[in-house]
Amino acid sequence: MNKINLSEIDNWEQFENLASRYFNEIIQLEENHLTEVIVNRTGIGPDGGRDILLTMRVNDSIMPFERKWVVQCKFYDKLKKSNLDKIDIPTLLEEYRADGYLLICKNSVTSGVTNTFDNLSRNCRWNRKYVIWNGSDFEERLYKTTDLHEHFFPEFYDYKVKRAKSIDITKILSE
């Protein structure tokens, strides 16, 4: 497989673990100004709309500050609005004093979900953020976290290794 593909993820637990590990890895990326990332998972059982409570400490060169995100991971083939109706997202954000809600989906979401998030963003008095990463959004971000490739995407990792070896051989033969 010549690209990252979430179809290599077998179940919801592995998907949540991938999301959790992703957030632990992004502190190493030079493009952000993170000084600390704290990932708290809910564990097994009903989570009330929160799989991960994510705290990011950022230094913008003027003053350090903190952002908290409630993260929900959904492994469904296509997430529908009815899958979210049981969750009172604004109350959840208030409960955790979070700045935003991030929904990470393995695949796509329906227009009902998108409309719900648009309405939450538009009507929020506290300027909280409501963000959706569909499968392709998440896959794009995962290219930057190369330490996760071997464990979560073995087919893609094997492709990368074989390609790197063939490039090395081609280089040697051309010298």
Protein backbone atom coordinates (compact mmCIF):
# COMPACT_ATOMS: atom_id res chain seq x y z
CA MET A 1 0.00 0.00 0.00
CA ASN A 2 1.62 3.24 -1.12
CA LYS A 3 -0.26 5.52 1.27
CA ILE A 4 -1.57 5.62 4.81
CA ASN A 5 -4.99 4.04 4.92
CA LEU A 6 -7.16 3.77 8.02
CA SER A 7 -8.50 0.46 6.68
CA GLU A 8 -5.37 -1.04 8.29
CA ILE A 9 -6.93 -0.22 11.67
CA ASP A 10 -8.98 -3.23 12.79
CA ASN A 11 -11.22 -1.97 15.60
CA TRP A 12 -12.33 1.02 17.66
CA GLU A 13 -9.79 0.35 20.45
CA GLN A 14 -6.91 0.42 17.99
CA PHE A 15 -8.37 3.60 16.43
CA GLU A 16 -8.56 5.35 19.82
CA ASN A 17 -5.04 4.17 20.61
CA LEU A 18 -3.82 5.60 17.29
CA ALA A 19 -5.43 8.97 18.06
CA SER A 20 -3.94 8.99 21.54
CA ARG A 21 -0.46 8.11 20.27
CA TYR A 22 -0.77 10.73 17.52
CA PHE A 23 -1.25 13.47 20.10
CA ASN A 24 1.71 12.19 22.11
CA GLU A 25 3.87 12.34 18.97
CA ILE A 26 2.98 15.81 17.65
CA ILE A 27 5.02 17.60 20.30
CA GLN A 28 8.09 16.54 18.29
CA LEU A 29 6.94 18.37 15.16
CA GLU A 30 8.85 21.58 14.55
CA GLU A 31 5.91 23.35 12.92
CA ASN A 32 4.04 23.85 16.19
CA HIS A 33 4.98 25.60 19.40
CA LEU A 34 3.87 22.94 21.85
CA THR A 35 5.80 22.70 25.08
CA GLU A 36 3.74 19.90 26.60
CA VAL A 37 0.94 17.54 25.58
CA ILE A 38 -1.08 15.65 28.17
CA VAL A 39 -3.32 12.85 26.88
CA ASN A 40 -5.88 11.40 29.30
CA ARG A 41 -7.99 8.52 28.00
CA THR A 42 -11.31 7.50 29.49
CA GLY A 43 -10.72 3.75 29.50
CA ILE A 44 -13.20 0.95 28.86
CA GLY A 45 -16.94 1.54 29.20
CA PRO A 46 -19.36 4.39 28.43
CA ASP A 47 -17.43 7.60 27.93
CA GLY A 48 -20.23 10.15 27.62
CA GLY A 49 -18.73 11.62 24.46
CA ARG A 50 -15.13 11.84 25.59
CA ASP A 51 -12.49 9.32 24.59
CA ILE A 52 -9.53 11.61 25.23
CA LEU A 53 -9.08 14.77 27.26
CA LEU A 54 -6.23 16.57 25.56
CA THR A 55 -4.29 19.39 27.20
CA MET A 56 -1.77 21.28 25.10
CA ARG A 57 0.61 23.86 26.47
CA VAL A 58 1.77 26.34 23.88
CA ASN A 59 4.35 29.10 23.86
CA ASP A 60 3.59 31.80 21.31
CA SER A 61 6.78 33.74 22.23
CA ILE A 62 4.74 36.30 24.14
CA MET A 63 3.26 34.17 26.88
CA PRO A 64 2.66 30.46 27.45
CA PHE A 65 -0.97 29.34 27.48
CA GLU A 66 -2.98 26.15 27.65
CA ARG A 67 -5.72 24.69 25.46
CA LYS A 68 -7.97 21.80 26.39
CA TRP A 69 -9.82 19.64 23.89
CA VAL A 70 -12.41 16.95 24.42
CA VAL A 71 -11.68 14.37 21.72
CA GLN A 72 -14.20 11.79 20.52
CA CYS A 73 -13.11 8.99 18.17
CA LYS A 74 -15.68 7.29 15.95
CA PHE A 75 -14.88 4.07 14.09
CA TYR A 76 -18.21 3.90 12.18
CA ASP A 77 -18.26 3.52 8.41
CA LYS A 78 -20.29 6.72 8.13
CA LEU A 79 -21.11 8.80 11.18
CA LYS A 80 -24.71 10.03 11.35
CA LYS A 81 -26.17 12.83 13.43
CA SER A 82 -28.18 10.26 15.43
CA ASN A 83 -24.85 8.81 16.66
CA LEU A 84 -24.13 12.14 18.39
CA ASP A 85 -27.63 13.00 19.64
CA LYS A 86 -26.98 11.38 23.03
CA ILE A 87 -24.11 13.78 23.75
CA ASP A 88 -24.64 17.32 25.05
CA ILE A 89 -21.38 18.66 23.66
CA PRO A 90 -21.55 22.21 25.12
CA THR A 91 -22.21 20.80 28.62
CA LEU A 92 -19.36 18.34 28.17
CA LEU A 93 -17.00 21.20 27.30
CA GLU A 94 -18.17 23.15 30.34
CA GLU A 95 -17.68 20.10 32.58
CA TYR A 96 -14.04 19.73 31.52
CA ARG A 97 -13.44 23.48 31.05
CA ALA A 98 -12.35 22.68 27.53
CA ASP A 99 -11.74 25.11 24.68
CA GLY A 100 -12.99 22.81 21.97
CA TYR A 101 -14.42 19.51 20.83
CA LEU A 102 -12.61 17.44 18.22
CA LEU A 103 -14.42 14.60 16.50
CA ILE A 104 -12.06 12.17 14.74
CA CYS A 105 -13.81 9.78 12.34
CA LYS A 106 -12.40 6.76 10.55
CA ASN A 107 -14.39 7.61 7.45
CA SER A 108 -16.83 10.38 6.57
CA VAL A 109 -19.69 12.13 8.33
CA THR A 110 -23.15 12.98 7.10
CA SER A 111 -24.23 16.53 6.34
CA GLY A 112 -26.32 16.40 9.54
CA VAL A 113 -23.16 16.05 11.63
CA THR A 114 -21.43 18.85 9.72
CA ASN A 115 -24.46 21.11 10.15
CA THR A 116 -24.59 20.36 13.89
CA PHE A 117 -20.94 21.36 14.30
CA ASP A 118 -21.44 24.48 12.17
CA ASN A 119 -24.40 25.50 14.35
CA LEU A 120 -22.50 24.83 17.57
CA SER A 121 -19.63 27.02 16.33
CA ARG A 122 -21.88 29.81 15.12
CA ASN A 123 -24.00 29.93 18.29
CA CYS A 124 -21.26 29.52 20.90
CA ARG A 125 -20.98 32.53 23.22
CA TRP A 126 -17.60 31.45 24.59
CA ASN A 127 -15.77 31.12 21.27
CA ARG A 128 -15.24 27.38 21.71
CA LYS A 129 -14.16 25.40 18.67
CA TYR A 130 -16.03 22.44 17.19
CA VAL A 131 -13.86 20.55 14.72
CA ILE A 132 -14.31 17.39 12.63
CA TRP A 133 -11.46 15.38 11.16
CA ASN A 134 -12.81 12.84 8.69
CA GLY A 135 -10.67 9.85 7.73
CA SER A 136 -8.72 11.61 4.99
CA ASP A 137 -8.04 14.63 7.24
CA PHE A 138 -6.61 12.34 9.91
CA GLU A 139 -4.60 10.31 7.37
CA GLU A 140 -2.94 13.50 6.08
CA ARG A 141 -1.87 14.43 9.60
CA LEU A 142 -0.53 10.94 10.25
CA TYR A 143 2.11 11.27 7.52
CA LYS A 144 4.00 13.66 9.82
CA THR A 145 4.17 11.17 12.70
CA THR A 146 6.51 8.61 11.17
CA ASP A 147 7.10 6.80 14.48
CA LEU A 148 3.53 5.47 14.28
CA HIS A 149 3.76 4.01 10.77
CA GLU A 150 5.39 0.67 11.56
CA HIS A 151 2.97 -0.20 14.37
CA PHE A 152 -0.34 1.05 12.96
CA PHE A 153 0.23 0.93 9.19
CA PRO A 154 2.45 -2.11 8.47
CA GLU A 155 1.53 -2.28 4.76
CA PHE A 156 2.41 1.37 4.23
CA TYR A 157 5.57 0.98 6.33
CA ASP A 158 6.70 -2.04 4.27
CA TYR A 159 6.11 -0.04 1.08
CA LYS A 160 8.24 2.83 2.45
CA VAL A 161 11.07 0.48 3.45
CA LYS A 162 11.09 -1.31 0.07
CA ARG A 163 10.99 2.02 -1.76
CA ALA A 164 13.87 3.39 0.32
CA LYS A 165 15.93 0.26 -0.41
CA SER A 166 15.23 0.49 -4.15
CA ILE A 167 16.25 4.15 -4.17
CA ASP A 168 19.49 3.25 -2.37
CA ILE A 169 20.24 0.46 -4.87
CA THR A 170 19.50 2.74 -7.82
CA LYS A 171 21.81 5.36 -6.34
CA ILE A 172 24.62 2.81 -5.88
CA LEU A 173 24.20 1.44 -9.42
CA SER A 174 24.34 4.91 -10.94
CA GLU A 175 27.66 5.76 -9.27
